[in-house]
């Protein structure tokens, strides 16, 4: 549902999301919990040296993920720049528009 004053990029994102944002968030949280539990079980059955190696590998994986979030790539950066150009100068108004579409 288009909202008056909402820029084209946000309307496009709203169309793609179409109420599925909660399912995506829940999936991500569920996966994170399952992965945490699996790693805890693995670590509990390892020697201290194995634990150090496994923790180092997990740290490396999380670091790579963090870098992807920090630097999402050219397409995401382009889309974010488009969104910024269509945002209102008053952040509260932009947040209100996002909430009216996403929630």
PDB file of N, CA and C in Angstrom:
ATOM      1  N   UNK A   1       0.834  -1.183   0.000  1.00  0.00           N
ATOM      2  CA  UNK A   1       0.000   0.000   0.000  1.00  0.00           C
ATOM      3  C   UNK A   1       0.872   1.237   0.000  1.00  0.00           C
ATOM      4  N   UNK A   2       0.828   2.037  -1.072  1.00  0.00           N
ATOM      5  CA  UNK A   2       1.646   3.234  -1.139  1.00  0.00           C
ATOM      6  C   UNK A   2       1.247   4.239  -0.072  1.00  0.00           C
ATOM      7  N   UNK A   3       2.222   4.908   0.472  1.00  0.00           N
ATOM      8  CA  UNK A   3       1.988   5.937   1.479  1.00  0.00           C
ATOM      9  C   UNK A   3       2.360   7.274   0.854  1.00  0.00           C
ATOM     10  N   UNK A   4       1.503   8.280   1.057  1.00  0.00           N
ATOM     11  CA  UNK A   4       1.762   9.604   0.495  1.00  0.00           C
ATOM     12  C   UNK A   4       3.125  10.102   0.938  1.00  0.00           C
ATOM     13  N   UNK A   5       3.913  10.552  -0.013  1.00  0.00           N
ATOM     14  CA  UNK A   5       5.220  11.102   0.308  1.00  0.00           C
ATOM     15  C   UNK A   5       6.326  10.068   0.385  1.00  0.00           C
ATOM     16  N   UNK A   6       5.986   8.796   0.234  1.00  0.00           N
ATOM     17  CA  UNK A   6       7.014   7.760   0.309  1.00  0.00           C
ATOM     18  C   UNK A   6       7.722   7.684  -1.034  1.00  0.00           C
ATOM     19  N   UNK A   7       9.042   7.647  -1.011  1.00  0.00           N
ATOM     20  CA  UNK A   7       9.810   7.586  -2.238  1.00  0.00           C
ATOM     21  C   UNK A   7       9.669   6.241  -2.931  1.00  0.00           C
ATOM     22  N   UNK A   8       9.995   6.228  -4.220  1.00  0.00           N
ATOM     23  CA  UNK A   8       9.887   5.012  -5.021  1.00  0.00           C
ATOM     24  C   UNK A   8      10.682   3.838  -4.453  1.00  0.00           C
ATOM     25  N   UNK A   9      11.928   4.042  -3.989  1.00  0.00           N
ATOM     26  CA  UNK A   9      12.658   2.887  -3.443  1.00  0.00           C
ATOM     27  C   UNK A   9      11.948   2.243  -2.246  1.00  0.00           C
ATOM     28  N   UNK A  10      11.379   3.072  -1.376  1.00  0.00           N
ATOM     29  CA  UNK A  10      10.679   2.507  -0.214  1.00  0.00           C
ATOM     30  C   UNK A  10       9.399   1.789  -0.644  1.00  0.00           C
ATOM     31  N   UNK A  11       8.708   2.309  -1.650  1.00  0.00           N
ATOM     32  CA  UNK A  11       7.514   1.615  -2.152  1.00  0.00           C
ATOM     33  C   UNK A  11       7.908   0.261  -2.735  1.00  0.00           C
ATOM     34  N   UNK A  12       9.034   0.237  -3.447  1.00  0.00           N
ATOM     35  CA  UNK A  12       9.530  -1.011  -4.032  1.00  0.00           C
ATOM     36  C   UNK A  12       9.848  -2.029  -2.933  1.00  0.00           C
ATOM     37  N   UNK A  13      10.552  -1.582  -1.901  1.00  0.00           N
ATOM     38  CA  UNK A  13      10.893  -2.466  -0.780  1.00  0.00           C
ATOM     39  C   UNK A  13       9.630  -2.948  -0.074  1.00  0.00           C
ATOM     40  N   UNK A  14       8.672  -2.055   0.114  1.00  0.00           N
ATOM     41  CA  UNK A  14       7.410  -2.427   0.767  1.00  0.00           C
ATOM     42  C   UNK A  14       6.700  -3.518  -0.033  1.00  0.00           C
ATOM     43  N   UNK A  15       6.735  -3.400  -1.359  1.00  0.00           N
ATOM     44  CA  UNK A  15       6.110  -4.413  -2.210  1.00  0.00           C
ATOM     45  C   UNK A  15       6.815  -5.758  -2.071  1.00  0.00           C
ATOM     46  N   UNK A  16       8.141  -5.729  -2.010  1.00  0.00           N
ATOM     47  CA  UNK A  16       8.911  -6.972  -1.877  1.00  0.00           C
ATOM     48  C   UNK A  16       8.647  -7.613  -0.518  1.00  0.00           C
ATOM     49  N   UNK A  17       8.679  -6.816   0.535  1.00  0.00           N
ATOM     50  CA  UNK A  17       8.497  -7.328   1.900  1.00  0.00           C
ATOM     51  C   UNK A  17       7.105  -7.917   2.065  1.00  0.00           C
ATOM     52  N   UNK A  18       6.090  -7.157   1.689  1.00  0.00           N
ATOM     53  CA  UNK A  18       4.702  -7.613   1.695  1.00  0.00           C
ATOM     54  C   UNK A  18       4.345  -8.429   2.935  1.00  0.00           C
ATOM     55  N   UNK A  19       4.708  -7.929   4.120  1.00  0.00           N
ATOM     56  CA  UNK A  19       4.323  -8.588   5.363  1.00  0.00           C
ATOM     57  C   UNK A  19       5.185  -9.779   5.754  1.00  0.00           C
ATOM     58  N   UNK A  20       6.231 -10.080   4.998  1.00  0.00           N
ATOM     59  CA  UNK A  20       7.061 -11.251   5.287  1.00  0.00           C
ATOM     60  C   UNK A  20       8.227 -10.948   6.219  1.00  0.00           C
ATOM     61  N   UNK A  21       8.383  -9.706   6.627  1.00  0.00           N
ATOM     62  CA  UNK A  21       9.542  -9.337   7.440  1.00  0.00           C
ATOM     63  C   UNK A  21       9.598 -10.108   8.750  1.00  0.00           C
ATOM     64  N   UNK A  22       8.452 -10.356   9.350  1.00  0.00           N
ATOM     65  CA  UNK A  22       8.435 -11.074  10.630  1.00  0.00           C
ATOM     66  C   UNK A  22       8.921 -12.510  10.463  1.00  0.00           C
ATOM     67  N   UNK A  23       8.509 -13.159   9.392  1.00  0.00           N
ATOM     68  CA  UNK A  23       8.948 -14.529   9.133  1.00  0.00           C
ATOM     69  C   UNK A  23      10.455 -14.592   8.921  1.00  0.00           C
ATOM     70  N   UNK A  24      10.997 -13.609   8.220  1.00  0.00           N
ATOM     71  CA  UNK A  24      12.446 -13.569   7.991  1.00  0.00           C
ATOM     72  C   UNK A  24      13.185 -13.375   9.307  1.00  0.00           C
ATOM     73  N   UNK A  25      12.706 -12.430  10.136  1.00  0.00           N
ATOM     74  CA  UNK A  25      13.351 -12.197  11.429  1.00  0.00           C
ATOM     75  C   UNK A  25      13.277 -13.431  12.319  1.00  0.00           C
ATOM     76  N   UNK A  26      12.105 -14.057  12.376  1.00  0.00           N
ATOM     77  CA  UNK A  26      11.952 -15.261  13.199  1.00  0.00           C
ATOM     78  C   UNK A  26      12.850 -16.384  12.706  1.00  0.00           C
ATOM     79  N   UNK A  27      12.950 -16.550  11.383  1.00  0.00           N
ATOM     80  CA  UNK A  27      13.827 -17.567  10.812  1.00  0.00           C
ATOM     81  C   UNK A  27      15.267 -17.301  11.236  1.00  0.00           C
ATOM     82  N   UNK A  28      15.696 -16.054  11.135  1.00  0.00           N
ATOM     83  CA  UNK A  28      17.069 -15.701  11.493  1.00  0.00           C
ATOM     84  C   UNK A  28      17.343 -15.966  12.972  1.00  0.00           C
ATOM     85  N   UNK A  29      16.411 -15.589  13.821  1.00  0.00           N
ATOM     86  CA  UNK A  29      16.576 -15.813  15.259  1.00  0.00           C
ATOM     87  C   UNK A  29      16.595 -17.308  15.566  1.00  0.00           C
ATOM     88  N   UNK A  30      15.689 -18.055  14.944  1.00  0.00           N
ATOM     89  CA  UNK A  30      15.658 -19.509  15.153  1.00  0.00           C
ATOM     90  C   UNK A  30      16.966 -20.158  14.711  1.00  0.00           C
ATOM     91  N   UNK A  31      17.491 -19.737  13.556  1.00  0.00           N
ATOM     92  CA  UNK A  31      18.759 -20.291  13.064  1.00  0.00           C
ATOM     93  C   UNK A  31      19.913 -19.936  14.005  1.00  0.00           C
ATOM     94  N   UNK A  32      19.928 -18.708  14.496  1.00  0.00           N
ATOM     95  CA  UNK A  32      20.992 -18.289  15.415  1.00  0.00           C
ATOM     96  C   UNK A  32      20.949 -19.113  16.704  1.00  0.00           C
ATOM     97  N   UNK A  33      19.745 -19.346  17.224  1.00  0.00           N
ATOM     98  CA  UNK A  33      19.617 -20.152  18.448  1.00  0.00           C
ATOM     99  C   UNK A  33      20.059 -21.592  18.203  1.00  0.00           C
ATOM    100  N   UNK A  34      19.641 -22.161  17.084  1.00  0.00           N
ATOM    101  CA  UNK A  34      20.017 -23.548  16.770  1.00  0.00           C
ATOM    102  C   UNK A  34      21.529 -23.671  16.601  1.00  0.00           C
ATOM    103  N   UNK A  35      22.123 -22.696  15.929  1.00  0.00           N
ATOM    104  CA  UNK A  35      23.570 -22.716  15.732  1.00  0.00           C
ATOM    105  C   UNK A  35      24.298 -22.564  17.061  1.00  0.00           C
ATOM    106  N   UNK A  36      23.806 -21.692  17.917  1.00  0.00           N
ATOM    107  CA  UNK A  36      24.426 -21.513  19.238  1.00  0.00           C
ATOM    108  C   UNK A  36      24.375 -22.795  20.045  1.00  0.00           C
ATOM    109  N   UNK A  37      23.214 -23.453  20.022  1.00  0.00           N
ATOM    110  CA  UNK A  37      23.062 -24.703  20.783  1.00  0.00           C
ATOM    111  C   UNK A  37      23.984 -25.782  20.229  1.00  0.00           C
ATOM    112  N   UNK A  38      24.064 -25.889  18.905  1.00  0.00           N
ATOM    113  CA  UNK A  38      24.947 -26.893  18.293  1.00  0.00           C
ATOM    114  C   UNK A  38      26.400 -26.648  18.671  1.00  0.00           C
ATOM    115  N   UNK A  39      26.809 -25.383  18.629  1.00  0.00           N
ATOM    116  CA  UNK A  39      28.183 -25.064  18.998  1.00  0.00           C
ATOM    117  C   UNK A  39      28.453 -25.334  20.468  1.00  0.00           C
ATOM    118  N   UNK A  40      27.485 -25.065  21.325  1.00  0.00           N
ATOM    119  CA  UNK A  40      27.656 -25.343  22.754  1.00  0.00           C
ATOM    120  C   UNK A  40      27.839 -26.842  22.981  1.00  0.00           C
ATOM    121  N   UNK A  41      27.049 -27.649  22.282  1.00  0.00           N
ATOM    122  CA  UNK A  41      27.171 -29.100  22.423  1.00  0.00           C
ATOM    123  C   UNK A  41      28.518 -29.595  21.905  1.00  0.00           C
ATOM    124  N   UNK A  42      28.945 -29.047  20.779  1.00  0.00           N
ATOM    125  CA  UNK A  42      30.254 -29.427  20.244  1.00  0.00           C
ATOM    126  C   UNK A  42      31.370 -29.058  21.214  1.00  0.00           C
ATOM    127  N   UNK A  43      31.332 -27.837  21.709  1.00  0.00           N
ATOM    128  CA  UNK A  43      32.385 -27.361  22.616  1.00  0.00           C
ATOM    129  C   UNK A  43      32.437 -28.166  23.908  1.00  0.00           C
ATOM    130  N   UNK A  44      31.280 -28.592  24.383  1.00  0.00           N
ATOM    131  CA  UNK A  44      31.223 -29.350  25.641  1.00  0.00           C
ATOM    132  C   UNK A  44      31.932 -30.702  25.532  1.00  0.00           C
ATOM    133  N   UNK A  45      32.037 -31.208  24.312  1.00  0.00           N
ATOM    134  CA  UNK A  45      32.646 -32.527  24.108  1.00  0.00           C
ATOM    135  C   UNK A  45      34.044 -32.454  23.499  1.00  0.00           C
ATOM    136  N   UNK A  46      34.669 -31.296  23.557  1.00  0.00           N
ATOM    137  CA  UNK A  46      35.996 -31.108  22.980  1.00  0.00           C
ATOM    138  C   UNK A  46      37.046 -30.926  24.059  1.00  0.00           C
ATOM    139  N   UNK A  47      38.257 -31.199  23.671  1.00  0.00           N
ATOM    140  CA  UNK A  47      39.385 -30.911  24.554  1.00  0.00           C
ATOM    141  C   UNK A  47      39.609 -29.391  24.533  1.00  0.00           C
ATOM    142  N   UNK A  48      40.344 -28.876  25.510  1.00  0.00           N
ATOM    143  CA  UNK A  48      40.614 -27.435  25.507  1.00  0.00           C
ATOM    144  C   UNK A  48      41.262 -26.934  24.207  1.00  0.00           C
ATOM    145  N   UNK A  49      42.171 -27.696  23.641  1.00  0.00           N
ATOM    146  CA  UNK A  49      42.826 -27.288  22.390  1.00  0.00           C
ATOM    147  C   UNK A  49      41.807 -27.259  21.247  1.00  0.00           C
ATOM    148  N   UNK A  50      40.954 -28.280  21.181  1.00  0.00           N
ATOM    149  CA  UNK A  50      39.913 -28.313  20.153  1.00  0.00           C
ATOM    150  C   UNK A  50      38.939 -27.145  20.332  1.00  0.00           C
ATOM    151  N   UNK A  51      38.630 -26.847  21.594  1.00  0.00           N
ATOM    152  CA  UNK A  51      37.727 -25.720  21.864  1.00  0.00           C
ATOM    153  C   UNK A  51      38.315 -24.414  21.336  1.00  0.00           C
ATOM    154  N   UNK A  52      39.606 -24.198  21.605  1.00  0.00           N
ATOM    155  CA  UNK A  52      40.266 -22.977  21.125  1.00  0.00           C
ATOM    156  C   UNK A  52      40.188 -22.875  19.604  1.00  0.00           C
ATOM    157  N   UNK A  53      40.446 -23.988  18.924  1.00  0.00           N
ATOM    158  CA  UNK A  53      40.410 -23.992  17.460  1.00  0.00           C
ATOM    159  C   UNK A  53      38.993 -23.729  16.944  1.00  0.00           C
ATOM    160  N   UNK A  54      38.012 -24.352  17.579  1.00  0.00           N
ATOM    161  CA  UNK A  54      36.621 -24.177  17.149  1.00  0.00           C
ATOM    162  C   UNK A  54      36.149 -22.739  17.408  1.00  0.00           C
ATOM    163  N   UNK A  55      36.502 -22.197  18.544  1.00  0.00           N
ATOM    164  CA  UNK A  55      36.130 -20.814  18.862  1.00  0.00           C
ATOM    165  C   UNK A  55      36.790 -19.858  17.873  1.00  0.00           C
ATOM    166  N   UNK A  56      38.035 -20.112  17.512  1.00  0.00           N
ATOM    167  CA  UNK A  56      38.728 -19.261  16.536  1.00  0.00           C
ATOM    168  C   UNK A  56      38.012 -19.320  15.177  1.00  0.00           C
ATOM    169  N   UNK A  57      37.583 -20.519  14.796  1.00  0.00           N
ATOM    170  CA  UNK A  57      36.857 -20.672  13.522  1.00  0.00           C
ATOM    171  C   UNK A  57      35.520 -19.933  13.571  1.00  0.00           C
ATOM    172  N   UNK A  58      34.800 -20.027  14.714  1.00  0.00           N
ATOM    173  CA  UNK A  58      33.527 -19.314  14.857  1.00  0.00           C
ATOM    174  C   UNK A  58      33.761 -17.802  14.813  1.00  0.00           C
ATOM    175  N   UNK A  59      34.801 -17.346  15.499  1.00  0.00           N
ATOM    176  CA  UNK A  59      35.129 -15.915  15.501  1.00  0.00           C
ATOM    177  C   UNK A  59      35.397 -15.420  14.077  1.00  0.00           C
ATOM    178  N   UNK A  60      36.126 -16.213  13.307  1.00  0.00           N
ATOM    179  CA  UNK A  60      36.448 -15.856  11.926  1.00  0.00           C
ATOM    180  C   UNK A  60      35.177 -15.758  11.077  1.00  0.00           C
ATOM    181  N   UNK A  61      34.266 -16.700  11.259  1.00  0.00           N
ATOM    182  CA  UNK A  61      33.011 -16.704  10.523  1.00  0.00           C
ATOM    183  C   UNK A  61      32.163 -15.476  10.867  1.00  0.00           C
ATOM    184  N   UNK A  62      32.077 -15.163  12.151  1.00  0.00           N
ATOM    185  CA  UNK A  62      31.305 -14.000  12.591  1.00  0.00           C
ATOM    186  C   UNK A  62      31.944 -12.708  12.081  1.00  0.00           C
ATOM    187  N   UNK A  63      33.258 -12.648  12.059  1.00  0.00           N
ATOM    188  CA  UNK A  63      33.959 -11.492  11.525  1.00  0.00           C
ATOM    189  C   UNK A  63      33.616 -11.281  10.049  1.00  0.00           C
ATOM    190  N   UNK A  64      33.629 -12.365   9.271  1.00  0.00           N
ATOM    191  CA  UNK A  64      33.283 -12.270   7.849  1.00  0.00           C
ATOM    192  C   UNK A  64      31.842 -11.793   7.669  1.00  0.00           C
ATOM    193  N   UNK A  65      30.940 -12.309   8.473  1.00  0.00           N
ATOM    194  CA  UNK A  65      29.545 -11.883   8.406  1.00  0.00           C
ATOM    195  C   UNK A  65      29.416 -10.403   8.748  1.00  0.00           C
ATOM    196  N   UNK A  66      30.106  -9.981   9.788  1.00  0.00           N
ATOM    197  CA  UNK A  66      30.086  -8.574  10.186  1.00  0.00           C
ATOM    198  C   UNK A  66      30.602  -7.659   9.083  1.00  0.00           C
ATOM    199  N   UNK A  67      31.631  -8.104   8.382  1.00  0.00           N
ATOM    200  CA  UNK A  67      32.177  -7.300   7.287  1.00  0.00           C
ATOM    201  C   UNK A  67      31.174  -7.195   6.137  1.00  0.00           C
ATOM    202  N   UNK A  68      30.430  -8.275   5.896  1.00  0.00           N
ATOM    203  CA  UNK A  68      29.395  -8.237   4.849  1.00  0.00           C
ATOM    204  C   UNK A  68      28.281  -7.262   5.225  1.00  0.00           C
ATOM    205  N   UNK A  69      27.952  -7.208   6.494  1.00  0.00           N
ATOM    206  CA  UNK A  69      26.924  -6.271   6.958  1.00  0.00           C
ATOM    207  C   UNK A  69      27.457  -4.839   6.855  1.00  0.00           C
ATOM    208  N   UNK A  70      28.713  -4.662   7.255  1.00  0.00           N
ATOM    209  CA  UNK A  70      29.328  -3.331   7.221  1.00  0.00           C
ATOM    210  C   UNK A  70      29.503  -2.833   5.783  1.00  0.00           C
ATOM    211  N   UNK A  71      29.877  -3.743   4.883  1.00  0.00           N
ATOM    212  CA  UNK A  71      30.081  -3.400   3.476  1.00  0.00           C
ATOM    213  C   UNK A  71      29.246  -4.352   2.627  1.00  0.00           C
ATOM    214  N   UNK A  72      27.962  -4.038   2.436  1.00  0.00           N
ATOM    215  CA  UNK A  72      27.033  -4.982   1.814  1.00  0.00           C
ATOM    216  C   UNK A  72      27.219  -5.213   0.323  1.00  0.00           C
ATOM    217  N   UNK A  73      28.013  -4.428  -0.325  1.00  0.00           N
ATOM    218  CA  UNK A  73      28.214  -4.615  -1.756  1.00  0.00           C
ATOM    219  C   UNK A  73      27.559  -3.512  -2.560  1.00  0.00           C
ATOM    220  N   UNK A  74      27.896  -3.436  -3.852  1.00  0.00           N
ATOM    221  CA  UNK A  74      27.463  -2.305  -4.672  1.00  0.00           C
ATOM    222  C   UNK A  74      25.951  -2.181  -4.841  1.00  0.00           C
ATOM    223  N   UNK A  75      25.234  -3.275  -4.982  1.00  0.00           N
ATOM    224  CA  UNK A  75      23.782  -3.178  -5.184  1.00  0.00           C
ATOM    225  C   UNK A  75      23.086  -2.647  -3.938  1.00  0.00           C
ATOM    226  N   UNK A  76      23.449  -3.161  -2.801  1.00  0.00           N
ATOM    227  CA  UNK A  76      22.832  -2.683  -1.560  1.00  0.00           C
ATOM    228  C   UNK A  76      23.190  -1.226  -1.309  1.00  0.00           C
ATOM    229  N   UNK A  77      24.426  -0.858  -1.565  1.00  0.00           N
ATOM    230  CA  UNK A  77      24.852   0.524  -1.369  1.00  0.00           C
ATOM    231  C   UNK A  77      24.071   1.450  -2.299  1.00  0.00           C
ATOM    232  N   UNK A  78      23.897   1.053  -3.558  1.00  0.00           N
ATOM    233  CA  UNK A  78      23.129   1.842  -4.515  1.00  0.00           C
ATOM    234  C   UNK A  78      21.686   2.015  -4.045  1.00  0.00           C
ATOM    235  N   UNK A  79      21.068   0.925  -3.600  1.00  0.00           N
ATOM    236  CA  UNK A  79      19.687   0.991  -3.125  1.00  0.00           C
ATOM    237  C   UNK A  79      19.577   1.896  -1.896  1.00  0.00           C
ATOM    238  N   UNK A  80      20.523   1.798  -0.981  1.00  0.00           N
ATOM    239  CA  UNK A  80      20.503   2.654   0.208  1.00  0.00           C
ATOM    240  C   UNK A  80      20.667   4.131  -0.151  1.00  0.00           C
ATOM    241  N   UNK A  81      21.499   4.424  -1.149  1.00  0.00           N
ATOM    242  CA  UNK A  81      21.652   5.815  -1.589  1.00  0.00           C
ATOM    243  C   UNK A  81      20.349   6.339  -2.184  1.00  0.00           C
ATOM    244  N   UNK A  82      19.664   5.495  -2.960  1.00  0.00           N
ATOM    245  CA  UNK A  82      18.368   5.901  -3.504  1.00  0.00           C
ATOM    246  C   UNK A  82      17.370   6.199  -2.399  1.00  0.00           C
ATOM    247  N   UNK A  83      17.355   5.341  -1.399  1.00  0.00           N
ATOM    248  CA  UNK A  83      16.429   5.532  -0.280  1.00  0.00           C
ATOM    249  C   UNK A  83      16.753   6.833   0.443  1.00  0.00           C
ATOM    250  N   UNK A  84      18.040   7.086   0.698  1.00  0.00           N
ATOM    251  CA  UNK A  84      18.441   8.318   1.389  1.00  0.00           C
ATOM    252  C   UNK A  84      17.967   9.563   0.649  1.00  0.00           C
ATOM    253  N   UNK A  85      18.027   9.537  -0.683  1.00  0.00           N
ATOM    254  CA  UNK A  85      17.606  10.696  -1.476  1.00  0.00           C
ATOM    255  C   UNK A  85      16.112  10.959  -1.365  1.00  0.00           C
ATOM    256  N   UNK A  86      15.344   9.919  -1.061  1.00  0.00           N
ATOM    257  CA  UNK A  86      13.884  10.092  -0.994  1.00  0.00           C
ATOM    258  C   UNK A  86      13.376  10.283   0.431  1.00  0.00           C
ATOM    259  N   UNK A  87      14.259  10.207   1.411  1.00  0.00           N
ATOM    260  CA  UNK A  87      13.840  10.374   2.798  1.00  0.00           C
ATOM    261  C   UNK A  87      13.526  11.832   3.101  1.00  0.00           C
ATOM    262  N   UNK A  88      12.693  12.012   4.086  1.00  0.00           N
ATOM    263  CA  UNK A  88      12.374  13.353   4.553  1.00  0.00           C
ATOM    264  C   UNK A  88      13.509  13.857   5.441  1.00  0.00           C
ATOM    265  N   UNK A  89      13.580  15.167   5.576  1.00  0.00           N
ATOM    266  CA  UNK A  89      14.614  15.765   6.421  1.00  0.00           C
ATOM    267  C   UNK A  89      14.361  15.489   7.899  1.00  0.00           C
ATOM    268  N   UNK A  90      13.118  15.221   8.260  1.00  0.00           N
ATOM    269  CA  UNK A  90      12.763  14.971   9.654  1.00  0.00           C
ATOM    270  C   UNK A  90      12.753  13.450   9.872  1.00  0.00           C
ATOM    271  N   UNK A  91      13.732  12.897  10.608  1.00  0.00           N
ATOM    272  CA  UNK A  91      13.804  11.448  10.799  1.00  0.00           C
ATOM    273  C   UNK A  91      12.526  10.837  11.360  1.00  0.00           C
ATOM    274  N   UNK A  92      11.846  11.544  12.269  1.00  0.00           N
ATOM    275  CA  UNK A  92      10.622  10.993  12.866  1.00  0.00           C
ATOM    276  C   UNK A  92       9.569  10.726  11.790  1.00  0.00           C
ATOM    277  N   UNK A  93       9.488  11.593  10.794  1.00  0.00           N
ATOM    278  CA  UNK A  93       8.506  11.404   9.724  1.00  0.00           C
ATOM    279  C   UNK A  93       8.868  10.185   8.871  1.00  0.00           C
ATOM    280  N   UNK A  94      10.151  10.010   8.563  1.00  0.00           N
ATOM    281  CA  UNK A  94      10.598   8.851   7.793  1.00  0.00           C
ATOM    282  C   UNK A  94      10.311   7.564   8.562  1.00  0.00           C
ATOM    283  N   UNK A  95      10.613   7.556   9.851  1.00  0.00           N
ATOM    284  CA  UNK A  95      10.351   6.371  10.684  1.00  0.00           C
ATOM    285  C   UNK A  95       8.860   6.066  10.709  1.00  0.00           C
ATOM    286  N   UNK A  96       8.034   7.093  10.831  1.00  0.00           N
ATOM    287  CA  UNK A  96       6.588   6.894  10.817  1.00  0.00           C
ATOM    288  C   UNK A  96       6.103   6.260   9.523  1.00  0.00           C
ATOM    289  N   UNK A  97       6.659   6.690   8.395  1.00  0.00           N
ATOM    290  CA  UNK A  97       6.286   6.105   7.115  1.00  0.00           C
ATOM    291  C   UNK A  97       6.726   4.647   7.024  1.00  0.00           C
ATOM    292  N   UNK A  98       7.938   4.360   7.466  1.00  0.00           N
ATOM    293  CA  UNK A  98       8.426   2.983   7.432  1.00  0.00           C
ATOM    294  C   UNK A  98       7.543   2.095   8.296  1.00  0.00           C
ATOM    295  N   UNK A  99       7.222   2.551   9.493  1.00  0.00           N
ATOM    296  CA  UNK A  99       6.383   1.757  10.392  1.00  0.00           C
ATOM    297  C   UNK A  99       4.999   1.528   9.804  1.00  0.00           C
ATOM    298  N   UNK A 100       4.461   2.517   9.114  1.00  0.00           N
ATOM    299  CA  UNK A 100       3.117   2.363   8.551  1.00  0.00           C
ATOM    300  C   UNK A 100       3.096   1.331   7.432  1.00  0.00           C
ATOM    301  N   UNK A 101       4.226   1.101   6.783  1.00  0.00           N
ATOM    302  CA  UNK A 101       4.280   0.121   5.704  1.00  0.00           C
ATOM    303  C   UNK A 101       4.692  -1.244   6.222  1.00  0.00           C
ATOM    304  N   UNK A 102       5.699  -1.288   7.087  1.00  0.00           N
ATOM    305  CA  UNK A 102       6.268  -2.549   7.542  1.00  0.00           C
ATOM    306  C   UNK A 102       5.431  -3.200   8.628  1.00  0.00           C
ATOM    307  N   UNK A 103       4.876  -2.436   9.524  1.00  0.00           N
ATOM    308  CA  UNK A 103       4.169  -3.018  10.658  1.00  0.00           C
ATOM    309  C   UNK A 103       2.832  -3.535  10.280  1.00  0.00           C
TER     310      UNK A 103
END
